[in-house]
């Protein structure tokens, strides 16, 4: 099962990058806020189709009044993610954008593990610092290459 979940996670990561690029192209044509609205309208349309096809219905296991207020912030964060991506994607190469998003996810993941689970792993911190070092090294190499290309 772990293999299947790993493959699905890789596919999910690839669709995030592709979706980000497609939505940024749409934002260039119609605007950031408009593209974000289109993204969510199309998303809700397909969510409803999946609900119908999977025969899940809109039943909730908990009454809506028992859901804590903070749980609704996921939607707000989703809108923020799409809007920020729409703005940054055309301005940052896809490789760097993916690494930067990954670095943000690493940092917040380490922070959440530490704050919520009281689980701090220095190994995870060192690993993420290696990713930062690799990113920085690659960025410096690209800048050096760009500089030598403009000099010739």
N, C-alpha and C. Protein backbone atom coordinates (compact mmCIF):
# COMPACT_ATOMS: atom_id res chain seq x y z
N UNK A 1 0.81 -1.20 0.00
CA UNK A 1 0.00 0.00 0.00
C UNK A 1 0.86 1.26 0.00
N UNK A 2 2.00 1.21 0.69
CA UNK A 2 2.86 2.39 0.74
C UNK A 2 3.32 2.78 -0.65
N UNK A 3 3.58 1.77 -1.51
CA UNK A 3 4.00 2.07 -2.88
C UNK A 3 2.90 2.84 -3.62
N UNK A 4 1.66 2.39 -3.49
CA UNK A 4 0.53 3.06 -4.14
C UNK A 4 0.39 4.49 -3.64
N UNK A 5 0.48 4.69 -2.32
CA UNK A 5 0.38 6.04 -1.76
C UNK A 5 1.53 6.92 -2.22
N UNK A 6 2.69 6.33 -2.36
CA UNK A 6 3.85 7.10 -2.85
C UNK A 6 3.62 7.55 -4.29
N UNK A 7 3.14 6.65 -5.13
CA UNK A 7 2.86 6.99 -6.54
C UNK A 7 1.77 8.06 -6.61
N UNK A 8 0.71 7.89 -5.83
CA UNK A 8 -0.37 8.89 -5.83
C UNK A 8 0.14 10.24 -5.34
N UNK A 9 1.03 10.26 -4.37
CA UNK A 9 1.60 11.52 -3.88
C UNK A 9 2.44 12.20 -4.94
N UNK A 10 3.19 11.41 -5.70
CA UNK A 10 3.99 11.98 -6.80
C UNK A 10 3.07 12.56 -7.87
N UNK A 11 2.01 11.85 -8.19
CA UNK A 11 1.03 12.35 -9.16
C UNK A 11 0.38 13.64 -8.65
N UNK A 12 0.04 13.66 -7.36
CA UNK A 12 -0.55 14.87 -6.78
C UNK A 12 0.43 16.04 -6.88
N UNK A 13 1.70 15.80 -6.61
CA UNK A 13 2.70 16.86 -6.74
C UNK A 13 2.82 17.38 -8.16
N UNK A 14 2.78 16.45 -9.11
CA UNK A 14 2.86 16.86 -10.52
C UNK A 14 1.64 17.68 -10.92
N UNK A 15 0.46 17.28 -10.44
CA UNK A 15 -0.74 18.03 -10.81
C UNK A 15 -0.74 19.42 -10.17
N UNK A 16 -0.12 19.56 -9.00
CA UNK A 16 -0.02 20.88 -8.37
C UNK A 16 0.79 21.81 -9.27
N UNK A 17 1.92 21.33 -9.76
CA UNK A 17 2.77 22.16 -10.62
C UNK A 17 2.04 22.49 -11.92
N UNK A 18 1.44 21.48 -12.54
CA UNK A 18 0.71 21.72 -13.80
C UNK A 18 -0.46 22.67 -13.59
N UNK A 19 -1.23 22.45 -12.53
CA UNK A 19 -2.36 23.32 -12.25
C UNK A 19 -1.92 24.76 -11.99
N UNK A 20 -0.81 24.91 -11.29
CA UNK A 20 -0.29 26.25 -10.99
C UNK A 20 0.07 26.96 -12.29
N UNK A 21 0.72 26.26 -13.20
CA UNK A 21 1.13 26.87 -14.47
C UNK A 21 -0.09 27.21 -15.33
N UNK A 22 -1.04 26.29 -15.42
CA UNK A 22 -2.25 26.55 -16.21
C UNK A 22 -3.04 27.72 -15.65
N UNK A 23 -3.19 27.76 -14.34
CA UNK A 23 -3.95 28.85 -13.73
C UNK A 23 -3.23 30.19 -13.87
N UNK A 24 -1.89 30.18 -13.82
CA UNK A 24 -1.14 31.43 -14.00
C UNK A 24 -1.29 31.94 -15.43
N UNK A 25 -1.32 31.02 -16.40
CA UNK A 25 -1.54 31.44 -17.80
C UNK A 25 -2.92 32.08 -17.94
N UNK A 26 -3.92 31.49 -17.28
CA UNK A 26 -5.26 32.06 -17.30
C UNK A 26 -5.25 33.44 -16.64
N UNK A 27 -4.52 33.58 -15.54
CA UNK A 27 -4.44 34.87 -14.83
C UNK A 27 -3.80 35.94 -15.69
N UNK A 28 -2.83 35.55 -16.52
CA UNK A 28 -2.22 36.52 -17.43
C UNK A 28 -3.24 37.05 -18.43
N UNK A 29 -4.17 36.20 -18.82
CA UNK A 29 -5.18 36.59 -19.82
C UNK A 29 -6.32 37.40 -19.22
N UNK A 30 -6.80 36.99 -18.03
CA UNK A 30 -8.02 37.61 -17.51
C UNK A 30 -7.85 38.31 -16.16
N UNK A 31 -6.71 38.13 -15.49
CA UNK A 31 -6.48 38.76 -14.19
C UNK A 31 -6.38 37.73 -13.07
N UNK A 32 -5.65 38.10 -12.03
CA UNK A 32 -5.39 37.18 -10.92
C UNK A 32 -6.66 36.79 -10.17
N UNK A 33 -7.44 37.76 -9.78
CA UNK A 33 -8.65 37.48 -9.00
C UNK A 33 -9.66 36.71 -9.85
N UNK A 34 -9.81 37.12 -11.11
CA UNK A 34 -10.76 36.44 -12.00
C UNK A 34 -10.35 34.97 -12.21
N UNK A 35 -9.06 34.73 -12.40
CA UNK A 35 -8.59 33.35 -12.59
C UNK A 35 -8.80 32.52 -11.33
N UNK A 36 -8.65 33.15 -10.17
CA UNK A 36 -8.88 32.43 -8.91
C UNK A 36 -10.34 32.03 -8.79
N UNK A 37 -11.24 32.94 -9.16
CA UNK A 37 -12.68 32.62 -9.12
C UNK A 37 -12.98 31.48 -10.09
N UNK A 38 -12.45 31.57 -11.30
CA UNK A 38 -12.67 30.50 -12.30
C UNK A 38 -12.15 29.17 -11.75
N UNK A 39 -10.98 29.20 -11.13
CA UNK A 39 -10.38 27.99 -10.56
C UNK A 39 -11.35 27.34 -9.57
N UNK A 40 -11.93 28.13 -8.68
CA UNK A 40 -12.81 27.57 -7.67
C UNK A 40 -14.18 27.20 -8.21
N UNK A 41 -14.69 27.93 -9.20
CA UNK A 41 -15.98 27.56 -9.81
C UNK A 41 -15.84 26.21 -10.52
N UNK A 42 -14.77 26.07 -11.30
CA UNK A 42 -14.54 24.79 -11.99
C UNK A 42 -14.29 23.69 -10.95
N UNK A 43 -13.56 24.03 -9.90
CA UNK A 43 -13.29 23.05 -8.84
C UNK A 43 -14.55 22.56 -8.16
N UNK A 44 -15.48 23.47 -7.84
CA UNK A 44 -16.73 23.06 -7.18
C UNK A 44 -17.58 22.23 -8.14
N UNK A 45 -17.57 22.59 -9.43
CA UNK A 45 -18.31 21.83 -10.42
C UNK A 45 -17.83 20.37 -10.45
N UNK A 46 -16.52 20.19 -10.54
CA UNK A 46 -15.99 18.83 -10.59
C UNK A 46 -16.09 18.11 -9.24
N UNK A 47 -16.06 18.84 -8.14
CA UNK A 47 -16.28 18.22 -6.83
C UNK A 47 -17.68 17.63 -6.76
N UNK A 48 -18.66 18.36 -7.28
CA UNK A 48 -20.03 17.86 -7.29
C UNK A 48 -20.15 16.63 -8.18
N UNK A 49 -19.50 16.66 -9.34
CA UNK A 49 -19.52 15.49 -10.22
C UNK A 49 -18.91 14.28 -9.52
N UNK A 50 -17.79 14.47 -8.84
CA UNK A 50 -17.16 13.35 -8.11
C UNK A 50 -18.06 12.85 -6.98
N UNK A 51 -18.73 13.76 -6.29
CA UNK A 51 -19.66 13.34 -5.25
C UNK A 51 -20.76 12.45 -5.83
N UNK A 52 -21.29 12.85 -6.97
CA UNK A 52 -22.36 12.07 -7.60
C UNK A 52 -21.83 10.73 -8.10
N UNK A 53 -20.69 10.77 -8.82
CA UNK A 53 -20.14 9.53 -9.38
C UNK A 53 -19.70 8.54 -8.30
N UNK A 54 -19.16 9.05 -7.22
CA UNK A 54 -18.70 8.16 -6.15
C UNK A 54 -19.82 7.82 -5.17
N UNK A 55 -21.00 8.39 -5.42
CA UNK A 55 -22.18 8.11 -4.62
C UNK A 55 -21.93 8.39 -3.13
N UNK A 56 -21.25 9.49 -2.84
CA UNK A 56 -20.93 9.85 -1.46
C UNK A 56 -22.00 10.74 -0.84
N UNK A 57 -22.63 11.56 -1.64
CA UNK A 57 -23.64 12.47 -1.12
C UNK A 57 -23.02 13.57 -0.27
N UNK A 58 -23.84 14.46 0.20
CA UNK A 58 -23.37 15.57 1.03
C UNK A 58 -23.73 15.37 2.49
N UNK A 59 -23.58 14.16 2.97
CA UNK A 59 -23.84 13.91 4.38
C UNK A 59 -22.55 14.16 5.17
N UNK A 60 -22.71 14.77 6.33
CA UNK A 60 -21.58 15.07 7.19
C UNK A 60 -21.65 14.18 8.42
N UNK A 61 -20.50 13.72 8.88
CA UNK A 61 -20.48 12.86 10.06
C UNK A 61 -20.64 13.67 11.35
N UNK A 62 -20.37 14.96 11.28
CA UNK A 62 -20.53 15.82 12.45
C UNK A 62 -21.45 16.97 12.09
N UNK A 63 -22.28 17.41 13.02
CA UNK A 63 -23.13 18.58 12.71
C UNK A 63 -22.28 19.82 12.48
N UNK A 64 -22.73 20.68 11.58
CA UNK A 64 -21.92 21.83 11.18
C UNK A 64 -21.62 22.76 12.35
N UNK A 65 -22.50 22.84 13.34
CA UNK A 65 -22.24 23.72 14.48
C UNK A 65 -21.13 23.19 15.39
N UNK A 66 -20.77 21.90 15.23
CA UNK A 66 -19.70 21.35 16.07
C UNK A 66 -18.32 21.46 15.41
N UNK A 67 -18.30 21.94 14.17
CA UNK A 67 -17.02 22.12 13.48
C UNK A 67 -16.39 23.42 13.98
N UNK A 68 -15.15 23.36 14.47
CA UNK A 68 -14.53 24.58 15.00
C UNK A 68 -14.28 25.61 13.89
N UNK A 69 -14.32 26.87 14.27
CA UNK A 69 -14.17 27.97 13.32
C UNK A 69 -12.86 27.88 12.54
N UNK A 70 -11.78 27.47 13.20
CA UNK A 70 -10.48 27.41 12.53
C UNK A 70 -10.49 26.44 11.36
N UNK A 71 -11.38 25.45 11.36
CA UNK A 71 -11.41 24.45 10.30
C UNK A 71 -11.81 25.05 8.96
N UNK A 72 -12.49 26.20 8.97
CA UNK A 72 -12.92 26.83 7.74
C UNK A 72 -11.82 27.67 7.08
N UNK A 73 -10.72 27.87 7.77
CA UNK A 73 -9.64 28.67 7.21
C UNK A 73 -8.90 27.97 6.08
N UNK A 74 -9.12 26.66 5.93
CA UNK A 74 -8.51 25.94 4.80
C UNK A 74 -8.97 26.52 3.47
N UNK A 75 -10.23 26.91 3.38
CA UNK A 75 -10.74 27.52 2.15
C UNK A 75 -10.10 28.87 1.89
N UNK A 76 -9.94 29.65 2.96
CA UNK A 76 -9.28 30.95 2.82
C UNK A 76 -7.84 30.77 2.38
N UNK A 77 -7.15 29.82 3.00
CA UNK A 77 -5.76 29.55 2.61
C UNK A 77 -5.69 29.06 1.17
N UNK A 78 -6.67 28.26 0.74
CA UNK A 78 -6.70 27.79 -0.64
C UNK A 78 -6.79 28.94 -1.63
N UNK A 79 -7.64 29.91 -1.33
CA UNK A 79 -7.77 31.08 -2.19
C UNK A 79 -6.45 31.85 -2.20
N UNK A 80 -5.84 32.01 -1.04
CA UNK A 80 -4.56 32.73 -0.96
C UNK A 80 -3.49 32.01 -1.76
N UNK A 81 -3.46 30.69 -1.68
CA UNK A 81 -2.47 29.91 -2.43
C UNK A 81 -2.62 30.14 -3.92
N UNK A 82 -3.86 30.06 -4.41
CA UNK A 82 -4.10 30.23 -5.85
C UNK A 82 -3.73 31.65 -6.28
N UNK A 83 -4.12 32.65 -5.50
CA UNK A 83 -3.82 34.03 -5.89
C UNK A 83 -2.31 34.29 -5.89
N UNK A 84 -1.63 33.82 -4.87
CA UNK A 84 -0.17 34.01 -4.81
C UNK A 84 0.50 33.27 -5.96
N UNK A 85 0.04 32.05 -6.23
CA UNK A 85 0.61 31.28 -7.34
C UNK A 85 0.36 31.96 -8.67
N UNK A 86 -0.84 32.51 -8.85
CA UNK A 86 -1.15 33.21 -10.09
C UNK A 86 -0.22 34.39 -10.31
N UNK A 87 0.18 35.02 -9.23
CA UNK A 87 1.06 36.18 -9.33
C UNK A 87 2.53 35.76 -9.54
N UNK A 88 2.98 34.76 -8.80
CA UNK A 88 4.41 34.41 -8.83
C UNK A 88 4.81 33.48 -9.97
N UNK A 89 3.93 32.60 -10.39
CA UNK A 89 4.29 31.58 -11.39
C UNK A 89 4.86 32.16 -12.68
N UNK A 90 4.28 33.22 -13.26
CA UNK A 90 4.88 33.75 -14.49
C UNK A 90 6.22 34.45 -14.26
N UNK A 91 6.54 34.75 -13.02
CA UNK A 91 7.75 35.53 -12.73
C UNK A 91 8.92 34.68 -12.24
N UNK A 92 8.66 33.42 -11.91
CA UNK A 92 9.70 32.54 -11.36
C UNK A 92 9.72 31.26 -12.19
N UNK A 93 10.89 30.80 -12.59
CA UNK A 93 10.95 29.53 -13.34
C UNK A 93 10.30 28.39 -12.55
N UNK A 94 9.67 27.47 -13.26
CA UNK A 94 8.91 26.39 -12.63
C UNK A 94 9.77 25.58 -11.66
N UNK A 95 11.02 25.32 -12.00
CA UNK A 95 11.90 24.55 -11.13
C UNK A 95 12.10 25.25 -9.79
N UNK A 96 12.42 26.55 -9.84
CA UNK A 96 12.62 27.31 -8.61
C UNK A 96 11.33 27.47 -7.83
N UNK A 97 10.24 27.71 -8.53
CA UNK A 97 8.95 27.85 -7.87
C UNK A 97 8.60 26.59 -7.10
N UNK A 98 8.82 25.44 -7.72
CA UNK A 98 8.52 24.17 -7.07
C UNK A 98 9.40 23.98 -5.84
N UNK A 99 10.69 24.30 -5.96
CA UNK A 99 11.59 24.18 -4.81
C UNK A 99 11.21 25.15 -3.69
N UNK A 100 10.87 26.37 -4.05
CA UNK A 100 10.50 27.35 -3.03
C UNK A 100 9.23 26.94 -2.29
N UNK A 101 8.24 26.45 -3.03
CA UNK A 101 7.01 25.96 -2.40
C UNK A 101 7.34 24.78 -1.49
N UNK A 102 8.21 23.89 -1.96
CA UNK A 102 8.63 22.74 -1.17
C UNK A 102 9.33 23.18 0.11
N UNK A 103 10.19 24.20 0.01
CA UNK A 103 10.88 24.71 1.19
C UNK A 103 9.88 25.28 2.20
N UNK A 104 8.89 26.00 1.70
CA UNK A 104 7.85 26.52 2.59
C UNK A 104 7.09 25.39 3.27
N UNK A 105 6.79 24.34 2.53
CA UNK A 105 6.09 23.19 3.10
C UNK A 105 6.95 22.49 4.15
N UNK A 106 8.25 22.34 3.85
CA UNK A 106 9.16 21.74 4.82
C UNK A 106 9.20 22.53 6.12
N UNK A 107 9.36 23.84 5.99
CA UNK A 107 9.47 24.69 7.18
C UNK A 107 8.21 24.62 8.03
N UNK A 108 7.05 24.74 7.39
CA UNK A 108 5.79 24.71 8.14
C UNK A 108 5.54 23.31 8.70
N UNK A 109 5.90 22.27 7.94
CA UNK A 109 5.75 20.90 8.44
C UNK A 109 6.58 20.66 9.70
N UNK A 110 7.81 21.12 9.68
CA UNK A 110 8.68 20.98 10.86
C UNK A 110 8.10 21.77 12.03
N UNK A 111 7.63 22.98 11.76
CA UNK A 111 7.06 23.83 12.81
C UNK A 111 5.79 23.20 13.40
N UNK A 112 4.91 22.69 12.56
CA UNK A 112 3.67 22.07 13.05
C UNK A 112 3.97 20.83 13.86
N UNK A 113 4.89 19.98 13.37
CA UNK A 113 5.27 18.80 14.15
C UNK A 113 5.79 19.20 15.53
N UNK A 114 6.57 20.26 15.57
CA UNK A 114 7.15 20.71 16.83
C UNK A 114 6.08 21.29 17.77
N UNK A 115 5.19 22.13 17.23
CA UNK A 115 4.19 22.78 18.06
C UNK A 115 3.05 21.85 18.48
N UNK A 116 2.59 21.01 17.55
CA UNK A 116 1.43 20.17 17.82
C UNK A 116 1.82 18.85 18.49
N UNK A 117 2.80 18.18 17.90
CA UNK A 117 3.17 16.85 18.40
C UNK A 117 4.32 16.88 19.38
N UNK A 118 4.90 18.05 19.57
CA UNK A 118 6.10 18.19 20.40
C UNK A 118 7.20 17.28 19.89
N UNK A 119 7.20 17.08 18.57
CA UNK A 119 8.16 16.21 17.91
C UNK A 119 9.09 17.06 17.06
N UNK A 120 10.27 17.30 17.57
CA UNK A 120 11.26 18.05 16.80
C UNK A 120 12.38 17.12 16.42
N UNK A 121 12.67 17.04 15.13
CA UNK A 121 13.75 16.19 14.65
C UNK A 121 14.85 17.05 14.07
N UNK A 122 16.01 17.03 14.70
CA UNK A 122 17.12 17.79 14.13
C UNK A 122 17.52 17.26 12.75
N UNK A 123 17.24 15.98 12.50
CA UNK A 123 17.57 15.39 11.20
C UNK A 123 16.72 16.01 10.09
N UNK A 124 15.44 16.25 10.39
CA UNK A 124 14.58 16.91 9.40
C UNK A 124 15.05 18.33 9.14
N UNK A 125 15.47 19.01 10.20
CA UNK A 125 15.98 20.37 10.05
C UNK A 125 17.26 20.38 9.22
N UNK A 126 18.16 19.46 9.51
CA UNK A 126 19.41 19.38 8.74
C UNK A 126 19.11 19.03 7.28
N UNK A 127 18.19 18.10 7.06
CA UNK A 127 17.80 17.74 5.69
C UNK A 127 17.24 18.93 4.93
N UNK A 128 16.40 19.72 5.60
CA UNK A 128 15.84 20.88 4.92
C UNK A 128 16.92 21.93 4.66
N UNK A 129 17.90 22.03 5.55
CA UNK A 129 19.02 22.95 5.31
C UNK A 129 19.86 22.51 4.11
N UNK A 130 19.97 21.20 3.91
CA UNK A 130 20.65 20.70 2.71
C UNK A 130 19.89 21.10 1.45
N UNK A 131 18.55 21.03 1.51
CA UNK A 131 17.74 21.45 0.37
C UNK A 131 17.95 22.93 0.10
N UNK A 132 17.97 23.75 1.16
CA UNK A 132 18.21 25.19 1.01
C UNK A 132 19.59 25.43 0.40
N UNK A 133 20.59 24.70 0.89
CA UNK A 133 21.96 24.85 0.36
C UNK A 133 22.01 24.47 -1.11
N UNK A 134 21.36 23.37 -1.48
CA UNK A 134 21.33 22.95 -2.88
C UNK A 134 20.62 23.96 -3.76
N UNK A 135 19.51 24.48 -3.26
CA UNK A 135 18.77 25.51 -3.99
C UNK A 135 19.64 26.75 -4.21
N UNK A 136 20.30 27.19 -3.15
CA UNK A 136 21.14 28.39 -3.23
C UNK A 136 22.30 28.16 -4.20
N UNK A 137 22.92 27.00 -4.11
CA UNK A 137 24.04 26.68 -5.00
C UNK A 137 23.58 26.68 -6.46
N UNK A 138 22.45 26.06 -6.73
CA UNK A 138 21.91 26.01 -8.09
C UNK A 138 21.56 27.41 -8.60
N UNK A 139 20.99 28.23 -7.72
CA UNK A 139 20.65 29.60 -8.10
C UNK A 139 21.91 30.40 -8.45
N UNK A 140 22.95 30.24 -7.65
CA UNK A 140 24.22 30.93 -7.93
C UNK A 140 24.83 30.47 -9.25
N UNK A 141 24.77 29.16 -9.52
CA UNK A 141 25.29 28.64 -10.79
C UNK A 141 24.51 29.21 -11.97
N UNK A 142 23.18 29.29 -11.83
CA UNK A 142 22.37 29.85 -12.91
C UNK A 142 22.67 31.32 -13.14
N UNK A 143 22.88 32.07 -12.04
CA UNK A 143 23.23 33.49 -12.19
C UNK A 143 24.58 33.66 -12.86
N UNK A 144 25.53 32.81 -12.48
CA UNK A 144 26.86 32.88 -13.08
C UNK A 144 26.79 32.55 -14.57
N UNK A 145 26.00 31.53 -14.91
CA UNK A 145 25.84 31.13 -16.31
C UNK A 145 25.17 32.25 -17.11
N UNK A 146 24.15 32.88 -16.54
CA UNK A 146 23.46 33.97 -17.22
C UNK A 146 24.40 35.15 -17.43
N UNK A 147 25.23 35.41 -16.44
CA UNK A 147 26.17 36.53 -16.54
C UNK A 147 27.21 36.28 -17.64
N UNK A 148 27.73 35.06 -17.74
CA UNK A 148 28.71 34.75 -18.77
C UNK A 148 28.07 34.74 -20.15
N UNK A 149 26.80 34.37 -20.25
CA UNK A 149 26.11 34.39 -21.53
C UNK A 149 25.87 35.79 -22.03
N UNK A 150 25.64 36.75 -21.12
CA UNK A 150 25.42 38.12 -21.55
C UNK A 150 26.73 38.83 -21.88
N UNK A 151 27.83 38.35 -21.33
CA UNK A 151 29.13 38.96 -21.63
C UNK A 151 29.66 38.56 -23.00
N UNK A 152 29.21 37.43 -23.49
CA UNK A 152 29.71 36.93 -24.79
C UNK A 152 28.84 37.35 -25.90
